[in-house]
């Protein structure tokens, strides 16, 4: 699957942590614009069920595939540096991780929906890096599992 996104969105997944969960990703302006385009393409009424439109066109929500991995790569890069300032930043972001408007809180909140989430949550809370390939496989299976579940209920 290929996504063509504007250059203005480059790297936004790292900072758009508010949209890491499926429910929040479908409310972003980028997704609403994408969905509006698909509705016009299909010739269906505005407000047609999001899942139906996306499945009919073989699309996924813009931020659902691969949006968490850049945030995890960013986390791993914070840990891999031997820069003392970065170490202080890591400690500081973990101290304020319970405040809902922080990057760390939003990443941890998004990870709670994942299978095997405790493994990833514990790694972040204990200042450990996350094995990216394992994370991406878990993420992919989670997304496709959610879509299969929606197919059986919808």
N, C-alpha and C. Protein backbone atom coordinates (compact mmCIF):
# COMPACT_ATOMS: atom_id res chain seq x y z
N UNK A 1 0.84 -1.17 0.00
CA UNK A 1 0.00 0.00 0.00
C UNK A 1 0.89 1.23 0.00
N UNK A 2 0.50 2.22 -0.76
CA UNK A 2 1.29 3.45 -0.90
C UNK A 2 0.44 4.63 -0.48
N UNK A 3 1.04 5.53 0.27
CA UNK A 3 0.38 6.77 0.66
C UNK A 3 1.15 7.92 0.04
N UNK A 4 0.45 8.84 -0.57
CA UNK A 4 1.07 10.05 -1.09
C UNK A 4 0.64 11.18 -0.17
N UNK A 5 1.58 11.66 0.61
CA UNK A 5 1.28 12.73 1.57
C UNK A 5 2.10 13.96 1.22
N UNK A 6 1.58 15.08 1.56
CA UNK A 6 2.29 16.33 1.34
C UNK A 6 3.59 16.36 2.14
N UNK A 7 4.57 17.06 1.62
CA UNK A 7 5.85 17.18 2.32
C UNK A 7 5.67 17.85 3.67
N UNK A 8 4.60 18.61 3.84
CA UNK A 8 4.33 19.27 5.12
C UNK A 8 4.05 18.30 6.25
N UNK A 9 3.70 17.07 5.89
CA UNK A 9 3.45 16.06 6.92
C UNK A 9 4.69 15.25 7.26
N UNK A 10 5.81 15.51 6.58
CA UNK A 10 7.01 14.73 6.81
C UNK A 10 7.43 14.77 8.28
N UNK A 11 7.54 13.62 8.88
CA UNK A 11 7.99 13.53 10.27
C UNK A 11 6.93 13.88 11.30
N UNK A 12 5.72 14.20 10.87
CA UNK A 12 4.71 14.65 11.83
C UNK A 12 4.29 13.54 12.79
N UNK A 13 4.50 12.28 12.40
CA UNK A 13 4.09 11.19 13.28
C UNK A 13 4.79 11.26 14.62
N UNK A 14 6.01 11.73 14.64
CA UNK A 14 6.74 11.83 15.90
C UNK A 14 6.07 12.84 16.82
N UNK A 15 5.56 13.93 16.24
CA UNK A 15 5.00 15.00 17.06
C UNK A 15 3.48 14.96 17.14
N UNK A 16 2.83 14.22 16.25
CA UNK A 16 1.38 14.12 16.26
C UNK A 16 0.93 12.93 17.10
N UNK A 17 1.46 12.85 18.30
CA UNK A 17 1.17 11.68 19.14
C UNK A 17 -0.28 11.63 19.59
N UNK A 18 -0.99 12.74 19.51
CA UNK A 18 -2.40 12.73 19.86
C UNK A 18 -3.20 11.86 18.89
N UNK A 19 -2.66 11.55 17.73
CA UNK A 19 -3.40 10.78 16.73
C UNK A 19 -2.87 9.36 16.57
N UNK A 20 -2.20 8.84 17.57
CA UNK A 20 -1.63 7.50 17.45
C UNK A 20 -2.66 6.38 17.61
N UNK A 21 -3.77 6.63 18.25
CA UNK A 21 -4.79 5.59 18.37
C UNK A 21 -5.71 5.68 17.17
N UNK A 22 -6.36 4.57 16.84
CA UNK A 22 -7.25 4.54 15.68
C UNK A 22 -8.35 5.57 15.83
N UNK A 23 -8.99 5.61 16.99
CA UNK A 23 -10.11 6.53 17.20
C UNK A 23 -9.70 7.98 16.99
N UNK A 24 -8.53 8.34 17.47
CA UNK A 24 -8.10 9.73 17.31
C UNK A 24 -7.56 9.99 15.91
N UNK A 25 -7.03 8.96 15.24
CA UNK A 25 -6.47 9.18 13.89
C UNK A 25 -7.55 9.50 12.88
N UNK A 26 -8.76 8.98 13.08
CA UNK A 26 -9.83 9.24 12.10
C UNK A 26 -10.49 10.60 12.30
N UNK A 27 -10.05 11.37 13.28
CA UNK A 27 -10.59 12.71 13.49
C UNK A 27 -9.62 13.80 13.05
N UNK A 28 -8.46 13.42 12.55
CA UNK A 28 -7.49 14.43 12.11
C UNK A 28 -7.97 15.09 10.82
N UNK A 29 -7.53 16.30 10.61
CA UNK A 29 -7.91 17.02 9.38
C UNK A 29 -7.43 16.29 8.14
N UNK A 30 -6.24 15.69 8.23
CA UNK A 30 -5.71 14.94 7.08
C UNK A 30 -6.62 13.77 6.74
N UNK A 31 -7.08 13.06 7.77
CA UNK A 31 -7.97 11.92 7.52
C UNK A 31 -9.31 12.38 6.97
N UNK A 32 -9.87 13.44 7.54
CA UNK A 32 -11.17 13.96 7.08
C UNK A 32 -11.08 14.38 5.61
N UNK A 33 -9.99 15.03 5.24
CA UNK A 33 -9.78 15.43 3.85
C UNK A 33 -9.67 14.19 2.96
N UNK A 34 -8.88 13.22 3.39
CA UNK A 34 -8.70 11.96 2.65
C UNK A 34 -10.03 11.25 2.48
N UNK A 35 -10.81 11.16 3.55
CA UNK A 35 -12.10 10.50 3.51
C UNK A 35 -13.07 11.24 2.58
N UNK A 36 -13.06 12.58 2.63
CA UNK A 36 -13.91 13.36 1.74
C UNK A 36 -13.59 13.09 0.27
N UNK A 37 -12.30 13.00 -0.03
CA UNK A 37 -11.88 12.68 -1.39
C UNK A 37 -12.40 11.30 -1.80
N UNK A 38 -12.26 10.32 -0.92
CA UNK A 38 -12.72 8.97 -1.24
C UNK A 38 -14.23 8.90 -1.40
N UNK A 39 -14.97 9.65 -0.58
CA UNK A 39 -16.43 9.68 -0.71
C UNK A 39 -16.83 10.26 -2.07
N UNK A 40 -16.17 11.32 -2.51
CA UNK A 40 -16.47 11.89 -3.83
C UNK A 40 -16.10 10.91 -4.93
N UNK A 41 -14.98 10.22 -4.76
CA UNK A 41 -14.53 9.24 -5.74
C UNK A 41 -15.56 8.11 -5.89
N UNK A 42 -16.12 7.67 -4.78
CA UNK A 42 -17.10 6.58 -4.80
C UNK A 42 -18.51 7.07 -5.15
N UNK A 43 -18.74 8.36 -5.00
CA UNK A 43 -20.06 8.91 -5.26
C UNK A 43 -21.07 8.60 -4.16
N UNK A 44 -20.58 8.47 -2.92
CA UNK A 44 -21.47 8.20 -1.80
C UNK A 44 -21.71 9.48 -1.01
N UNK A 45 -22.71 9.44 -0.16
CA UNK A 45 -23.05 10.62 0.63
C UNK A 45 -21.96 10.93 1.64
N UNK A 46 -21.78 12.21 1.90
CA UNK A 46 -20.86 12.64 2.96
C UNK A 46 -21.42 12.11 4.28
N UNK A 47 -20.57 11.55 5.09
CA UNK A 47 -21.02 10.97 6.34
C UNK A 47 -21.21 9.47 6.27
N UNK A 48 -20.94 8.87 5.10
CA UNK A 48 -20.97 7.41 5.01
C UNK A 48 -19.94 6.85 5.98
N UNK A 49 -20.23 5.72 6.58
CA UNK A 49 -19.36 5.11 7.58
C UNK A 49 -17.91 5.06 7.10
N UNK A 50 -17.01 5.57 7.92
CA UNK A 50 -15.60 5.62 7.58
C UNK A 50 -15.04 4.26 7.20
N UNK A 51 -15.35 3.26 8.00
CA UNK A 51 -14.83 1.92 7.75
C UNK A 51 -15.27 1.41 6.37
N UNK A 52 -16.53 1.64 6.03
CA UNK A 52 -17.05 1.18 4.74
C UNK A 52 -16.33 1.84 3.57
N UNK A 53 -16.14 3.15 3.67
CA UNK A 53 -15.47 3.89 2.59
C UNK A 53 -14.03 3.41 2.44
N UNK A 54 -13.33 3.28 3.55
CA UNK A 54 -11.93 2.87 3.48
C UNK A 54 -11.79 1.45 2.95
N UNK A 55 -12.64 0.55 3.40
CA UNK A 55 -12.56 -0.84 2.93
C UNK A 55 -12.93 -0.96 1.45
N UNK A 56 -13.91 -0.19 1.02
CA UNK A 56 -14.33 -0.24 -0.38
C UNK A 56 -13.21 0.21 -1.30
N UNK A 57 -12.39 1.14 -0.83
CA UNK A 57 -11.29 1.65 -1.65
C UNK A 57 -9.96 0.98 -1.32
N UNK A 58 -9.97 0.05 -0.37
CA UNK A 58 -8.73 -0.64 -0.01
C UNK A 58 -7.75 0.23 0.72
N UNK A 59 -8.25 1.23 1.42
CA UNK A 59 -7.39 2.19 2.12
C UNK A 59 -7.40 1.93 3.63
N UNK A 60 -6.41 2.48 4.28
CA UNK A 60 -6.33 2.49 5.73
C UNK A 60 -6.34 3.95 6.16
N UNK A 61 -6.72 4.23 7.41
CA UNK A 61 -6.59 5.61 7.87
C UNK A 61 -5.15 6.08 7.71
N UNK A 62 -4.97 7.33 7.33
CA UNK A 62 -3.65 7.86 6.99
C UNK A 62 -2.62 7.61 8.09
N UNK A 63 -2.99 7.82 9.33
CA UNK A 63 -2.00 7.71 10.40
C UNK A 63 -1.96 6.33 11.06
N UNK A 64 -2.71 5.36 10.53
CA UNK A 64 -2.75 4.07 11.23
C UNK A 64 -1.57 3.16 10.90
N UNK A 65 -1.08 3.20 9.70
CA UNK A 65 0.04 2.33 9.34
C UNK A 65 1.33 3.11 9.48
N UNK A 66 2.19 2.64 10.32
CA UNK A 66 3.51 3.23 10.44
C UNK A 66 3.59 4.52 11.22
N UNK A 67 2.52 4.92 11.88
CA UNK A 67 2.58 6.19 12.59
C UNK A 67 3.24 6.05 13.95
N UNK A 68 3.15 4.87 14.55
CA UNK A 68 3.75 4.67 15.86
C UNK A 68 5.25 4.42 15.77
N UNK A 69 5.69 3.79 14.70
CA UNK A 69 7.11 3.43 14.58
C UNK A 69 8.04 4.64 14.63
N UNK A 70 7.73 5.76 13.96
CA UNK A 70 8.64 6.92 14.09
C UNK A 70 8.75 7.42 15.53
N UNK A 71 7.66 7.37 16.27
CA UNK A 71 7.73 7.79 17.67
C UNK A 71 8.63 6.85 18.47
N UNK A 72 8.55 5.56 18.17
CA UNK A 72 9.40 4.58 18.86
C UNK A 72 10.85 4.75 18.43
N UNK A 73 11.09 5.02 17.14
CA UNK A 73 12.46 5.30 16.68
C UNK A 73 13.03 6.52 17.40
N UNK A 74 12.20 7.54 17.57
CA UNK A 74 12.63 8.75 18.27
C UNK A 74 13.00 8.40 19.71
N UNK A 75 12.16 7.61 20.38
CA UNK A 75 12.45 7.18 21.75
C UNK A 75 13.77 6.43 21.80
N UNK A 76 13.96 5.48 20.89
CA UNK A 76 15.20 4.70 20.87
C UNK A 76 16.41 5.60 20.63
N UNK A 77 16.25 6.62 19.78
CA UNK A 77 17.39 7.51 19.52
C UNK A 77 17.73 8.35 20.75
N UNK A 78 16.70 8.70 21.54
CA UNK A 78 16.98 9.42 22.79
C UNK A 78 17.84 8.56 23.72
N UNK A 79 17.56 7.26 23.73
CA UNK A 79 18.28 6.37 24.64
C UNK A 79 19.67 6.01 24.13
N UNK A 80 19.84 6.01 22.82
CA UNK A 80 21.12 5.56 22.26
C UNK A 80 22.22 6.60 22.33
N UNK A 81 21.87 7.81 22.67
CA UNK A 81 22.86 8.88 22.76
C UNK A 81 23.54 8.84 24.13
N UNK A 82 24.82 9.13 24.13
CA UNK A 82 25.51 9.23 25.42
C UNK A 82 25.65 10.69 25.85
N UNK A 83 24.78 11.53 25.31
CA UNK A 83 24.76 12.94 25.64
C UNK A 83 24.08 13.14 27.00
N UNK A 84 24.72 13.77 27.94
CA UNK A 84 24.14 13.96 29.28
C UNK A 84 22.82 14.76 29.25
N UNK A 85 22.72 15.71 28.33
CA UNK A 85 21.48 16.49 28.24
C UNK A 85 20.32 15.59 27.81
N UNK A 86 20.55 14.72 26.85
CA UNK A 86 19.50 13.80 26.42
C UNK A 86 19.08 12.87 27.56
N UNK A 87 20.03 12.44 28.35
CA UNK A 87 19.69 11.59 29.49
C UNK A 87 18.78 12.34 30.47
N UNK A 88 19.06 13.62 30.67
CA UNK A 88 18.19 14.43 31.54
C UNK A 88 16.80 14.59 30.92
N UNK A 89 16.75 14.75 29.60
CA UNK A 89 15.47 14.88 28.92
C UNK A 89 14.64 13.61 29.10
N UNK A 90 15.26 12.44 28.94
CA UNK A 90 14.56 11.17 29.10
C UNK A 90 14.00 11.06 30.51
N UNK A 91 14.81 11.38 31.50
CA UNK A 91 14.31 11.32 32.88
C UNK A 91 13.16 12.30 33.10
N UNK A 92 13.28 13.48 32.52
CA UNK A 92 12.24 14.50 32.69
C UNK A 92 10.93 14.10 32.03
N UNK A 93 11.00 13.54 30.80
CA UNK A 93 9.75 13.17 30.13
C UNK A 93 9.06 12.02 30.85
N UNK A 94 9.83 11.18 31.50
CA UNK A 94 9.21 10.09 32.25
C UNK A 94 8.60 10.60 33.56
N UNK A 95 9.17 11.65 34.12
CA UNK A 95 8.60 12.22 35.34
C UNK A 95 7.25 12.88 35.10
N UNK A 96 7.05 13.43 33.90
CA UNK A 96 5.78 14.10 33.59
C UNK A 96 4.88 13.23 32.70
N UNK A 97 5.16 11.95 32.63
CA UNK A 97 4.41 11.05 31.73
C UNK A 97 2.95 10.90 32.12
N UNK A 98 2.56 11.30 33.31
CA UNK A 98 1.16 11.17 33.72
C UNK A 98 0.31 12.39 33.35
N UNK A 99 0.91 13.40 32.72
CA UNK A 99 0.15 14.59 32.30
C UNK A 99 -0.33 14.38 30.86
N UNK A 100 -1.65 14.49 30.66
CA UNK A 100 -2.26 14.08 29.40
C UNK A 100 -1.81 14.87 28.18
N UNK A 101 -1.26 16.04 28.35
CA UNK A 101 -0.85 16.82 27.19
C UNK A 101 0.62 16.63 26.83
N UNK A 102 1.27 15.62 27.39
CA UNK A 102 2.69 15.40 27.09
C UNK A 102 2.88 14.31 26.05
N UNK A 103 3.98 14.38 25.35
CA UNK A 103 4.34 13.40 24.32
C UNK A 103 4.37 12.01 24.92
N UNK A 104 5.02 11.85 26.06
CA UNK A 104 5.18 10.53 26.67
C UNK A 104 3.84 9.93 27.06
N UNK A 105 2.97 10.73 27.65
CA UNK A 105 1.64 10.23 28.04
C UNK A 105 0.89 9.72 26.81
N UNK A 106 0.92 10.49 25.73
CA UNK A 106 0.18 10.11 24.54
C UNK A 106 0.74 8.85 23.89
N UNK A 107 2.05 8.69 23.90
CA UNK A 107 2.66 7.46 23.36
C UNK A 107 2.29 6.28 24.25
N UNK A 108 2.42 6.44 25.56
CA UNK A 108 2.06 5.34 26.47
C UNK A 108 0.58 4.99 26.36
N UNK A 109 -0.27 6.00 26.22
CA UNK A 109 -1.71 5.76 26.07
C UNK A 109 -2.00 4.96 24.79
N UNK A 110 -1.35 5.32 23.69
CA UNK A 110 -1.55 4.61 22.43
C UNK A 110 -1.06 3.16 22.53
N UNK A 111 0.03 2.95 23.24
CA UNK A 111 0.57 1.60 23.37
C UNK A 111 -0.31 0.69 24.20
N UNK A 112 -1.14 1.25 25.06
CA UNK A 112 -2.00 0.42 25.92
C UNK A 112 -2.98 -0.42 25.12
N UNK A 113 -3.32 -0.01 23.90
CA UNK A 113 -4.26 -0.75 23.06
C UNK A 113 -3.61 -1.94 22.36
N UNK A 114 -2.31 -2.02 22.40
CA UNK A 114 -1.59 -3.06 21.65
C UNK A 114 -1.61 -4.39 22.37
N UNK A 115 -1.57 -5.48 21.58
CA UNK A 115 -1.29 -6.77 22.21
C UNK A 115 0.15 -6.72 22.73
N UNK A 116 0.42 -7.40 23.79
CA UNK A 116 1.75 -7.41 24.40
C UNK A 116 2.18 -6.00 24.79
N UNK A 117 1.22 -5.16 25.12
CA UNK A 117 1.53 -3.77 25.42
C UNK A 117 2.42 -3.62 26.65
N UNK A 118 2.27 -4.49 27.61
CA UNK A 118 3.07 -4.37 28.83
C UNK A 118 4.56 -4.42 28.54
N UNK A 119 4.94 -5.22 27.56
CA UNK A 119 6.35 -5.33 27.19
C UNK A 119 6.88 -3.96 26.72
N UNK A 120 6.11 -3.27 25.88
CA UNK A 120 6.53 -1.97 25.35
C UNK A 120 6.43 -0.88 26.41
N UNK A 121 5.36 -0.91 27.19
CA UNK A 121 5.18 0.08 28.26
C UNK A 121 6.29 -0.03 29.29
N UNK A 122 6.61 -1.25 29.68
CA UNK A 122 7.67 -1.47 30.66
C UNK A 122 9.02 -1.00 30.14
N UNK A 123 9.27 -1.22 28.85
CA UNK A 123 10.54 -0.79 28.26
C UNK A 123 10.69 0.73 28.36
N UNK A 124 9.63 1.46 28.04
CA UNK A 124 9.71 2.92 28.12
C UNK A 124 9.86 3.38 29.56
N UNK A 125 9.06 2.81 30.44
CA UNK A 125 9.12 3.24 31.84
C UNK A 125 10.45 2.91 32.51
N UNK A 126 11.15 1.89 32.00
CA UNK A 126 12.43 1.53 32.62
C UNK A 126 13.63 2.01 31.79
N UNK A 127 13.40 3.00 30.93
CA UNK A 127 14.47 3.62 30.14
C UNK A 127 15.15 2.63 29.21
N UNK A 128 14.42 1.69 28.65
CA UNK A 128 15.00 0.72 27.72
C UNK A 128 14.49 0.98 26.32
N UNK A 129 15.31 0.60 25.35
CA UNK A 129 14.87 0.76 23.96
C UNK A 129 13.89 -0.36 23.61
N UNK A 130 13.14 -0.13 22.57
CA UNK A 130 12.15 -1.10 22.09
C UNK A 130 12.67 -1.70 20.80
N UNK A 131 12.62 -3.02 20.71
CA UNK A 131 13.05 -3.71 19.49
C UNK A 131 12.08 -3.34 18.38
N UNK A 132 12.56 -2.56 17.41
CA UNK A 132 11.68 -1.96 16.41
C UNK A 132 10.99 -2.98 15.51
N UNK A 133 11.71 -4.00 15.06
CA UNK A 133 11.10 -5.01 14.17
C UNK A 133 9.97 -5.74 14.89
N UNK A 134 10.20 -6.10 16.13
CA UNK A 134 9.16 -6.78 16.91
C UNK A 134 7.97 -5.85 17.10
N UNK A 135 8.25 -4.59 17.37
CA UNK A 135 7.18 -3.61 17.55
C UNK A 135 6.36 -3.46 16.28
N UNK A 136 7.04 -3.34 15.12
CA UNK A 136 6.34 -3.16 13.86
C UNK A 136 5.47 -4.37 13.52
N UNK A 137 5.97 -5.58 13.79
CA UNK A 137 5.16 -6.78 13.55
C UNK A 137 3.93 -6.80 14.44
N UNK A 138 4.11 -6.44 15.70
CA UNK A 138 2.98 -6.38 16.63
C UNK A 138 1.98 -5.32 16.20
N UNK A 139 2.48 -4.17 15.78
CA UNK A 139 1.63 -3.07 15.32
C UNK A 139 0.82 -3.50 14.09
N UNK A 140 1.49 -4.10 13.12
CA UNK A 140 0.82 -4.53 11.89
C UNK A 140 -0.29 -5.54 12.20
N UNK A 141 0.02 -6.52 13.04
CA UNK A 141 -0.99 -7.52 13.39
C UNK A 141 -2.15 -6.89 14.16
N UNK A 142 -1.85 -5.93 15.01
CA UNK A 142 -2.91 -5.24 15.76
C UNK A 142 -3.84 -4.48 14.81
N UNK A 143 -3.28 -3.78 13.85
CA UNK A 143 -4.09 -3.00 12.91
C UNK A 143 -4.94 -3.93 12.05
N UNK A 144 -4.32 -4.96 11.50
CA UNK A 144 -5.08 -5.87 10.66
C UNK A 144 -6.11 -6.64 11.46
N UNK A 145 -5.80 -6.97 12.70
CA UNK A 145 -6.78 -7.63 13.57
C UNK A 145 -7.97 -6.73 13.84
N UNK A 146 -7.71 -5.45 14.05
CA UNK A 146 -8.80 -4.50 14.28
C UNK A 146 -9.68 -4.40 13.03
N UNK A 147 -9.06 -4.40 11.87
CA UNK A 147 -9.84 -4.34 10.64
C UNK A 147 -10.67 -5.60 10.44
N UNK A 148 -10.10 -6.76 10.73
CA UNK A 148 -10.86 -8.03 10.61
C UNK A 148 -12.04 -8.02 11.55
N UNK A 149 -11.83 -7.49 12.76
CA UNK A 149 -12.90 -7.41 13.75
C UNK A 149 -14.02 -6.48 13.25
N UNK A 150 -13.64 -5.35 12.67
CA UNK A 150 -14.65 -4.42 12.12
C UNK A 150 -15.40 -5.07 10.96
N UNK A 151 -14.73 -5.89 10.17
CA UNK A 151 -15.39 -6.57 9.05
C UNK A 151 -16.49 -7.51 9.53
N UNK A 152 -16.24 -8.18 10.66
CA UNK A 152 -17.23 -9.15 11.15
C UNK A 152 -18.39 -8.46 11.84
N UNK A 153 -18.17 -7.26 12.39
CA UNK A 153 -19.27 -6.56 13.07
C UNK A 153 -20.02 -5.64 12.13
N UNK A 154 -19.37 -5.16 11.08
CA UNK A 154 -19.99 -4.19 10.19
C UNK A 154 -20.49 -4.84 8.99
